[in-house]
Amino acid sequence: MHFNYNNYTMNEKLKRIIGYAMYENDLTKLELSEYMEMSYPTMLNKLKDPGTLKISEADRLCRILNLNLNEFLTNNKTNENSENY
């Protein structure tokens, strides 16, 4: 399946990248909240609106999900090969 990312907002792109990375790393939202050291409700809010992530949170998230922080922040291709996602 091929998605054209040009039609998505930044938050939609980030949600797809995070969701795919969670799938690839076999992580649940609850596990991710524990690794991120934040409450589950806070993690849900951050996942719903990734634009609210602080740089330090984005860095930690990328380390946990094996994503490149620079690519994540600039919305360039990340480990999930967005062209094929």
Protein backbone atom coordinates (compact mmCIF):
# COMPACT_ATOMS: atom_id res chain seq x y z
CA MET A 1 0.00 0.00 0.00
CA HIS A 2 1.31 3.44 -0.91
CA PHE A 3 0.35 6.63 0.92
CA ASN A 4 0.87 10.11 -0.44
CA TYR A 5 2.00 12.07 2.61
CA ASN A 6 1.49 15.42 0.85
CA ASN A 7 -2.21 15.32 1.74
CA TYR A 8 -1.65 14.86 5.48
CA THR A 9 -1.10 17.46 8.17
CA MET A 10 2.05 17.26 10.27
CA ASN A 11 0.14 15.70 13.18
CA GLU A 12 -1.44 13.08 10.93
CA LYS A 13 1.99 12.18 9.54
CA LEU A 14 3.47 11.94 13.02
CA LYS A 15 0.57 9.78 14.24
CA ARG A 16 1.10 7.38 11.33
CA ILE A 17 4.86 7.24 11.92
CA ILE A 18 4.41 6.63 15.66
CA GLY A 19 1.66 4.05 15.11
CA TYR A 20 3.70 2.13 12.57
CA ALA A 21 6.82 2.24 14.78
CA MET A 22 4.80 0.97 17.74
CA TYR A 23 3.55 -1.89 15.56
CA GLU A 24 7.07 -2.66 14.33
CA ASN A 25 8.39 -2.68 17.91
CA ASP A 26 5.38 -4.62 19.24
CA LEU A 27 4.60 -1.96 21.86
CA THR A 28 1.21 -1.13 23.34
CA LYS A 29 0.23 2.40 24.34
CA LEU A 30 0.42 1.35 27.98
CA GLU A 31 3.95 -0.03 27.56
CA LEU A 32 4.99 3.09 25.70
CA SER A 33 3.65 5.29 28.51
CA GLU A 34 5.74 3.29 30.99
CA TYR A 35 8.89 3.60 28.87
CA MET A 36 8.19 7.32 28.42
CA GLU A 37 7.71 7.65 32.20
CA MET A 38 4.39 9.45 31.84
CA SER A 39 0.87 8.59 32.86
CA TYR A 40 -1.25 6.61 30.44
CA PRO A 41 -3.79 9.46 29.96
CA THR A 42 -0.94 11.90 29.21
CA MET A 43 0.57 9.45 26.73
CA LEU A 44 -2.81 9.07 25.02
CA ASN A 45 -3.04 12.86 24.67
CA LYS A 46 0.48 13.03 23.23
CA LEU A 47 -0.34 10.26 20.74
CA LYS A 48 -3.57 12.01 19.77
CA ASP A 49 -1.73 15.31 19.24
CA PRO A 50 2.00 14.59 18.70
CA GLY A 51 2.62 18.27 18.03
CA THR A 52 2.44 18.76 21.80
CA LEU A 53 5.54 16.62 22.38
CA LYS A 54 8.44 18.53 23.90
CA ILE A 55 11.78 18.05 22.14
CA SER A 56 13.01 15.96 25.07
CA GLU A 57 9.88 13.78 24.84
CA ALA A 58 10.25 13.42 21.07
CA ASP A 59 13.89 12.41 21.59
CA ARG A 60 12.94 9.77 24.16
CA LEU A 61 10.08 8.52 21.98
CA CYS A 62 12.40 8.18 18.99
CA ARG A 63 14.96 6.28 21.04
CA ILE A 64 12.27 3.89 22.30
CA LEU A 65 10.77 3.38 18.82
CA ASN A 66 14.11 3.25 16.96
CA LEU A 67 13.31 6.35 14.91
CA ASN A 68 15.69 9.05 13.75
CA LEU A 69 14.87 12.20 15.74
CA ASN A 70 15.90 14.61 12.98
CA GLU A 71 13.77 12.78 10.41
CA PHE A 72 10.88 12.58 12.87
CA LEU A 73 10.99 16.31 13.62
CA THR A 74 11.36 17.35 10.00
CA ASN A 75 8.79 14.84 8.71
CA ASN A 76 11.26 13.25 6.33
CA LYS A 77 11.31 9.50 5.73
CA THR A 78 11.87 7.50 8.88
CA ASN A 79 12.62 3.85 9.52
CA GLU A 80 9.19 2.74 8.44
CA ASN A 81 9.85 3.74 4.78
CA SER A 82 6.88 6.05 4.44
CA GLU A 83 6.75 5.47 0.68
CA ASN A 84 5.72 1.88 1.29
CA TYR A 85 3.58 2.50 4.36
